[in-house]
Amino acid sequence: MTSRRRKGGLSDIQEKVSAFPLSIVIPALDEEQAMPGVLYSLERQGDDPPFEVVLADGGSTDGTVARFQQLTCSWPARGRLARCVPCPRTGRAAQLNMGARAATGKVLLFLHADTHLPAS
């Protein structure tokens, strides 16, 4: 990811430049059992537009991160990106904010781990 600073007194705001038009942020805490459902529903959406998935993990102890990585390991070959961002602060809001900061897409979509999207 590259970024450039905006001019005009807004030096704290950075404009993100991304190859992904869509970033899907999934906050999670101990959601190992839910991971296959949400990721399978994303798989069924097709490849257009390309997207990235950011798992904002709040300190799971049940294998959520390992399951996420296992289920998405083939995604780069299809032009998708899936990554996990650890969130040291507790709470859903902290996870959503951490995931949004890590996302590179122009559009953010927030999904819960138990979300199942309809087939496209």
N, C-alpha and C. Protein backbone atom coordinates (compact mmCIF):
# COMPACT_ATOMS: atom_id res chain seq x y z
N MET A 1 0.84 -1.17 0.00
CA MET A 1 0.00 0.00 0.00
C MET A 1 0.88 1.23 0.00
N THR A 2 0.52 2.17 -0.79
CA THR A 2 1.21 3.46 -0.76
C THR A 2 0.19 4.51 -0.36
N SER A 3 0.67 5.57 0.18
CA SER A 3 -0.24 6.65 0.53
C SER A 3 0.45 7.98 0.28
N ARG A 4 -0.35 8.99 0.18
CA ARG A 4 0.20 10.33 0.00
C ARG A 4 -0.59 11.27 0.89
N ARG A 5 0.09 12.27 1.37
CA ARG A 5 -0.57 13.23 2.26
C ARG A 5 -1.36 14.24 1.44
N ARG A 6 -2.51 14.59 1.95
CA ARG A 6 -3.31 15.62 1.31
C ARG A 6 -2.75 16.98 1.68
N LYS A 7 -2.90 17.92 0.78
CA LYS A 7 -2.44 19.28 1.02
C LYS A 7 -3.60 20.14 1.47
N GLY A 8 -3.27 21.28 2.03
CA GLY A 8 -4.32 22.21 2.40
C GLY A 8 -4.68 22.18 3.87
N GLY A 9 -3.71 21.93 4.74
CA GLY A 9 -3.97 21.99 6.16
C GLY A 9 -4.52 20.72 6.77
N LEU A 10 -4.68 19.68 6.01
CA LEU A 10 -5.20 18.42 6.53
C LEU A 10 -4.09 17.38 6.58
N SER A 11 -2.98 17.74 7.19
CA SER A 11 -1.80 16.87 7.15
C SER A 11 -1.99 15.56 7.90
N ASP A 12 -2.98 15.48 8.78
CA ASP A 12 -3.20 14.23 9.51
C ASP A 12 -4.00 13.21 8.71
N ILE A 13 -4.60 13.64 7.64
CA ILE A 13 -5.42 12.74 6.83
C ILE A 13 -4.59 12.24 5.66
N GLN A 14 -4.59 10.92 5.48
CA GLN A 14 -3.88 10.34 4.36
C GLN A 14 -4.87 9.72 3.40
N GLU A 15 -4.63 9.91 2.13
CA GLU A 15 -5.45 9.30 1.11
C GLU A 15 -4.81 7.98 0.72
N LYS A 16 -5.57 6.91 0.79
CA LYS A 16 -5.03 5.59 0.48
C LYS A 16 -5.15 5.30 -1.01
N VAL A 17 -4.12 4.67 -1.53
CA VAL A 17 -4.12 4.24 -2.92
C VAL A 17 -4.10 2.72 -2.90
N SER A 18 -5.05 2.08 -3.56
CA SER A 18 -5.19 0.64 -3.43
C SER A 18 -5.52 -0.02 -4.76
N ALA A 19 -5.13 -1.29 -4.85
CA ALA A 19 -5.52 -2.10 -5.99
C ALA A 19 -6.90 -2.71 -5.75
N PHE A 20 -7.39 -2.64 -4.52
CA PHE A 20 -8.68 -3.22 -4.17
C PHE A 20 -9.73 -2.13 -4.02
N PRO A 21 -10.81 -2.20 -4.80
CA PRO A 21 -11.85 -1.21 -4.63
C PRO A 21 -12.68 -1.45 -3.37
N LEU A 22 -12.66 -2.69 -2.86
CA LEU A 22 -13.50 -3.06 -1.72
C LEU A 22 -12.68 -3.75 -0.65
N SER A 23 -12.82 -3.29 0.58
CA SER A 23 -12.23 -3.96 1.74
C SER A 23 -13.36 -4.43 2.63
N ILE A 24 -13.32 -5.70 3.00
CA ILE A 24 -14.32 -6.27 3.90
C ILE A 24 -13.65 -6.48 5.25
N VAL A 25 -14.17 -5.83 6.27
CA VAL A 25 -13.60 -5.90 7.62
C VAL A 25 -14.50 -6.79 8.47
N ILE A 26 -13.89 -7.81 9.07
CA ILE A 26 -14.63 -8.73 9.94
C ILE A 26 -14.02 -8.67 11.34
N PRO A 27 -14.71 -8.07 12.31
CA PRO A 27 -14.22 -8.11 13.68
C PRO A 27 -14.52 -9.49 14.26
N ALA A 28 -13.60 -10.01 15.05
CA ALA A 28 -13.81 -11.36 15.57
C ALA A 28 -13.17 -11.54 16.94
N LEU A 29 -13.82 -12.35 17.74
CA LEU A 29 -13.28 -12.82 19.01
C LEU A 29 -13.85 -14.22 19.22
N ASP A 30 -12.99 -15.21 19.13
CA ASP A 30 -13.38 -16.61 19.30
C ASP A 30 -14.52 -17.00 18.35
N GLU A 31 -14.28 -16.82 17.07
CA GLU A 31 -15.26 -17.11 16.02
C GLU A 31 -14.82 -18.24 15.10
N GLU A 32 -14.02 -19.17 15.61
CA GLU A 32 -13.51 -20.26 14.76
C GLU A 32 -14.64 -21.02 14.06
N GLN A 33 -15.71 -21.29 14.76
CA GLN A 33 -16.81 -22.05 14.17
C GLN A 33 -17.56 -21.26 13.10
N ALA A 34 -17.56 -19.95 13.19
CA ALA A 34 -18.29 -19.11 12.23
C ALA A 34 -17.49 -18.81 10.97
N MET A 35 -16.17 -18.93 11.03
CA MET A 35 -15.31 -18.54 9.89
C MET A 35 -15.68 -19.23 8.58
N PRO A 36 -15.90 -20.54 8.56
CA PRO A 36 -16.22 -21.16 7.26
C PRO A 36 -17.45 -20.56 6.60
N GLY A 37 -18.49 -20.27 7.36
CA GLY A 37 -19.73 -19.75 6.78
C GLY A 37 -19.56 -18.40 6.12
N VAL A 38 -18.96 -17.45 6.83
CA VAL A 38 -18.80 -16.11 6.27
C VAL A 38 -17.83 -16.13 5.09
N LEU A 39 -16.75 -16.89 5.20
CA LEU A 39 -15.77 -16.92 4.11
C LEU A 39 -16.32 -17.65 2.88
N TYR A 40 -17.09 -18.72 3.10
CA TYR A 40 -17.71 -19.41 1.97
C TYR A 40 -18.70 -18.48 1.26
N SER A 41 -19.46 -17.71 2.03
CA SER A 41 -20.42 -16.80 1.39
C SER A 41 -19.70 -15.72 0.59
N LEU A 42 -18.50 -15.32 1.02
CA LEU A 42 -17.71 -14.37 0.23
C LEU A 42 -17.15 -15.04 -1.02
N GLU A 43 -16.75 -16.30 -0.92
CA GLU A 43 -16.25 -17.04 -2.09
C GLU A 43 -17.31 -17.09 -3.19
N ARG A 44 -18.56 -17.24 -2.81
CA ARG A 44 -19.65 -17.37 -3.79
C ARG A 44 -19.95 -16.07 -4.51
N GLN A 45 -19.38 -14.96 -4.08
CA GLN A 45 -19.68 -13.67 -4.69
C GLN A 45 -18.98 -13.46 -6.03
N GLY A 46 -18.04 -14.32 -6.37
CA GLY A 46 -17.31 -14.15 -7.62
C GLY A 46 -16.08 -13.27 -7.41
N ASP A 47 -15.41 -12.97 -8.50
CA ASP A 47 -14.14 -12.26 -8.42
C ASP A 47 -14.21 -10.80 -8.84
N ASP A 48 -15.39 -10.29 -9.13
CA ASP A 48 -15.49 -8.91 -9.58
C ASP A 48 -16.51 -8.18 -8.72
N PRO A 49 -16.12 -7.14 -8.03
CA PRO A 49 -14.79 -6.55 -8.02
C PRO A 49 -13.85 -7.33 -7.11
N PRO A 50 -12.55 -7.20 -7.36
CA PRO A 50 -11.60 -7.83 -6.45
C PRO A 50 -11.72 -7.19 -5.07
N PHE A 51 -11.47 -7.98 -4.05
CA PHE A 51 -11.60 -7.44 -2.70
C PHE A 51 -10.56 -8.03 -1.77
N GLU A 52 -10.39 -7.35 -0.66
CA GLU A 52 -9.55 -7.87 0.41
C GLU A 52 -10.44 -8.08 1.64
N VAL A 53 -10.04 -9.03 2.47
CA VAL A 53 -10.72 -9.26 3.73
C VAL A 53 -9.72 -9.01 4.85
N VAL A 54 -10.12 -8.18 5.79
CA VAL A 54 -9.29 -7.89 6.95
C VAL A 54 -10.00 -8.44 8.18
N LEU A 55 -9.40 -9.44 8.80
CA LEU A 55 -9.93 -9.99 10.04
C LEU A 55 -9.31 -9.21 11.19
N ALA A 56 -10.11 -8.46 11.92
CA ALA A 56 -9.63 -7.70 13.08
C ALA A 56 -9.87 -8.56 14.31
N ASP A 57 -8.83 -9.26 14.74
CA ASP A 57 -8.96 -10.24 15.81
C ASP A 57 -8.72 -9.61 17.18
N GLY A 58 -9.67 -9.79 18.06
CA GLY A 58 -9.61 -9.20 19.39
C GLY A 58 -8.97 -10.08 20.44
N GLY A 59 -8.08 -11.00 20.04
CA GLY A 59 -7.40 -11.85 21.01
C GLY A 59 -8.02 -13.23 21.13
N SER A 60 -8.49 -13.78 20.04
CA SER A 60 -9.13 -15.09 20.06
C SER A 60 -8.21 -16.16 20.63
N THR A 61 -8.80 -17.10 21.36
CA THR A 61 -8.03 -18.21 21.93
C THR A 61 -8.52 -19.57 21.42
N ASP A 62 -9.47 -19.56 20.50
CA ASP A 62 -10.07 -20.82 20.04
C ASP A 62 -9.58 -21.27 18.67
N GLY A 63 -8.62 -20.62 18.08
CA GLY A 63 -8.14 -21.02 16.76
C GLY A 63 -8.75 -20.23 15.62
N THR A 64 -9.39 -19.11 15.91
CA THR A 64 -10.02 -18.28 14.88
C THR A 64 -9.02 -17.87 13.80
N VAL A 65 -7.87 -17.37 14.22
CA VAL A 65 -6.88 -16.87 13.26
C VAL A 65 -6.35 -18.00 12.39
N ALA A 66 -6.03 -19.14 12.99
CA ALA A 66 -5.52 -20.28 12.21
C ALA A 66 -6.56 -20.76 11.21
N ARG A 67 -7.82 -20.80 11.62
CA ARG A 67 -8.90 -21.24 10.72
C ARG A 67 -9.07 -20.25 9.56
N PHE A 68 -9.02 -18.96 9.86
CA PHE A 68 -9.12 -17.92 8.84
C PHE A 68 -7.99 -18.09 7.82
N GLN A 69 -6.77 -18.27 8.31
CA GLN A 69 -5.61 -18.42 7.41
C GLN A 69 -5.72 -19.69 6.58
N GLN A 70 -6.20 -20.76 7.17
CA GLN A 70 -6.37 -22.02 6.44
C GLN A 70 -7.39 -21.86 5.31
N LEU A 71 -8.49 -21.20 5.60
CA LEU A 71 -9.57 -21.08 4.63
C LEU A 71 -9.28 -20.07 3.52
N THR A 72 -8.33 -19.18 3.73
CA THR A 72 -8.05 -18.14 2.73
C THR A 72 -6.68 -18.28 2.08
N CYS A 73 -5.96 -19.36 2.34
CA CYS A 73 -4.59 -19.48 1.84
C CYS A 73 -4.50 -19.49 0.32
N SER A 74 -5.56 -19.89 -0.38
CA SER A 74 -5.52 -19.92 -1.85
C SER A 74 -6.01 -18.61 -2.48
N TRP A 75 -6.46 -17.67 -1.69
CA TRP A 75 -7.03 -16.44 -2.24
C TRP A 75 -6.06 -15.60 -3.05
N PRO A 76 -4.78 -15.46 -2.69
CA PRO A 76 -3.88 -14.63 -3.50
C PRO A 76 -3.79 -15.08 -4.96
N ALA A 77 -3.92 -16.36 -5.21
CA ALA A 77 -3.88 -16.87 -6.58
C ALA A 77 -5.07 -16.37 -7.39
N ARG A 78 -6.12 -15.97 -6.72
CA ARG A 78 -7.32 -15.46 -7.40
C ARG A 78 -7.39 -13.94 -7.37
N GLY A 79 -6.30 -13.30 -6.93
CA GLY A 79 -6.28 -11.85 -6.92
C GLY A 79 -6.95 -11.23 -5.71
N ARG A 80 -7.12 -12.02 -4.67
CA ARG A 80 -7.72 -11.52 -3.44
C ARG A 80 -6.68 -11.48 -2.35
N LEU A 81 -6.93 -10.67 -1.37
CA LEU A 81 -6.03 -10.58 -0.23
C LEU A 81 -6.83 -10.86 1.03
N ALA A 82 -6.27 -11.66 1.91
CA ALA A 82 -6.88 -11.92 3.21
C ALA A 82 -5.79 -11.82 4.25
N ARG A 83 -6.04 -11.01 5.26
CA ARG A 83 -5.02 -10.87 6.30
C ARG A 83 -5.68 -10.63 7.64
N CYS A 84 -4.92 -10.95 8.66
CA CYS A 84 -5.39 -10.79 10.03
C CYS A 84 -4.64 -9.65 10.69
N VAL A 85 -5.38 -8.81 11.38
CA VAL A 85 -4.79 -7.70 12.11
C VAL A 85 -5.11 -7.91 13.59
N PRO A 86 -4.09 -8.09 14.43
CA PRO A 86 -4.37 -8.24 15.86
C PRO A 86 -4.82 -6.91 16.46
N CYS A 87 -5.79 -6.97 17.32
CA CYS A 87 -6.33 -5.77 17.96
C CYS A 87 -6.08 -5.87 19.47
N PRO A 88 -5.10 -5.14 19.97
CA PRO A 88 -4.77 -5.26 21.39
C PRO A 88 -5.82 -4.68 22.34
N ARG A 89 -6.64 -3.76 21.85
CA ARG A 89 -7.69 -3.18 22.69
C ARG A 89 -8.95 -4.03 22.60
N THR A 90 -9.68 -4.08 23.68
CA THR A 90 -10.88 -4.91 23.70
C THR A 90 -12.08 -4.13 23.20
N GLY A 91 -13.06 -4.86 22.75
CA GLY A 91 -14.32 -4.26 22.34
C GLY A 91 -14.50 -4.22 20.83
N ARG A 92 -15.75 -4.32 20.43
CA ARG A 92 -16.10 -4.35 19.01
C ARG A 92 -15.70 -3.06 18.32
N ALA A 93 -15.91 -1.92 18.95
CA ALA A 93 -15.56 -0.64 18.32
C ALA A 93 -14.06 -0.56 18.03
N ALA A 94 -13.24 -1.02 18.95
CA ALA A 94 -11.78 -1.02 18.73
C ALA A 94 -11.41 -1.92 17.56
N GLN A 95 -12.07 -3.06 17.46
CA GLN A 95 -11.80 -3.98 16.34
C GLN A 95 -12.21 -3.35 15.01
N LEU A 96 -13.37 -2.73 14.97
CA LEU A 96 -13.83 -2.09 13.73
C LEU A 96 -12.88 -0.97 13.32
N ASN A 97 -12.46 -0.16 14.27
CA ASN A 97 -11.53 0.93 13.96
C ASN A 97 -10.18 0.41 13.50
N MET A 98 -9.65 -0.62 14.15
CA MET A 98 -8.36 -1.20 13.75
C MET A 98 -8.46 -1.80 12.35
N GLY A 99 -9.54 -2.51 12.08
CA GLY A 99 -9.74 -3.08 10.75
C GLY A 99 -9.86 -2.02 9.68
N ALA A 100 -10.57 -0.94 9.98
CA ALA A 100 -10.73 0.15 9.01
C ALA A 100 -9.39 0.82 8.72
N ARG A 101 -8.57 0.99 9.75
CA ARG A 101 -7.25 1.60 9.53
C ARG A 101 -6.36 0.70 8.69
N ALA A 102 -6.49 -0.61 8.84
CA ALA A 102 -5.64 -1.55 8.10
C ALA A 102 -6.13 -1.77 6.67
N ALA A 103 -7.39 -1.48 6.41
CA ALA A 103 -7.98 -1.71 5.09
C ALA A 103 -7.38 -0.75 4.06
N THR A 104 -7.30 -1.22 2.82
CA THR A 104 -6.74 -0.40 1.75
C THR A 104 -7.75 -0.05 0.67
N GLY A 105 -8.94 -0.60 0.73
CA GLY A 105 -9.94 -0.36 -0.29
C GLY A 105 -10.56 1.03 -0.21
N LYS A 106 -11.16 1.44 -1.32
CA LYS A 106 -11.85 2.73 -1.36
C LYS A 106 -13.19 2.64 -0.62
N VAL A 107 -13.80 1.47 -0.64
CA VAL A 107 -15.08 1.24 0.02
C VAL A 107 -14.88 0.19 1.11
N LEU A 108 -15.44 0.45 2.29
CA LEU A 108 -15.36 -0.50 3.39
C LEU A 108 -16.72 -1.15 3.60
N LEU A 109 -16.70 -2.47 3.78
CA LEU A 109 -17.89 -3.22 4.13
C LEU A 109 -17.59 -3.95 5.42
N PHE A 110 -18.41 -3.73 6.44
CA PHE A 110 -18.20 -4.38 7.73
C PHE A 110 -19.18 -5.54 7.85
N LEU A 111 -18.65 -6.73 8.10
CA LEU A 111 -19.48 -7.92 8.29
C LEU A 111 -19.15 -8.55 9.63
N HIS A 112 -20.14 -9.12 10.27
CA HIS A 112 -19.89 -9.91 11.46
C HIS A 112 -19.56 -11.34 11.02
N ALA A 113 -18.88 -12.06 11.87
CA ALA A 113 -18.42 -13.40 11.51
C ALA A 113 -19.58 -14.36 11.25
N ASP A 114 -20.75 -14.08 11.78
CA ASP A 114 -21.89 -14.98 11.56
C ASP A 114 -22.76 -14.53 10.38
N THR A 115 -22.27 -13.58 9.58
CA THR A 115 -23.00 -13.11 8.41
C THR A 115 -22.83 -14.09 7.25
N HIS A 116 -23.93 -14.37 6.57
CA HIS A 116 -23.89 -15.20 5.36
C HIS A 116 -24.55 -14.40 4.25
N LEU A 117 -23.76 -14.00 3.27
CA LEU A 117 -24.29 -13.22 2.14
C LEU A 117 -24.99 -14.15 1.16
N PRO A 118 -26.06 -13.67 0.51
CA PRO A 118 -26.70 -14.50 -0.52
C PRO A 118 -25.78 -14.64 -1.73
N ALA A 119 -25.96 -15.71 -2.47
CA ALA A 119 -25.16 -15.92 -3.69
C ALA A 119 -25.43 -14.79 -4.67
N SER A 120 -24.38 -14.42 -5.43
CA SER A 120 -24.54 -13.32 -6.38
C SER A 120 -25.27 -13.76 -7.61
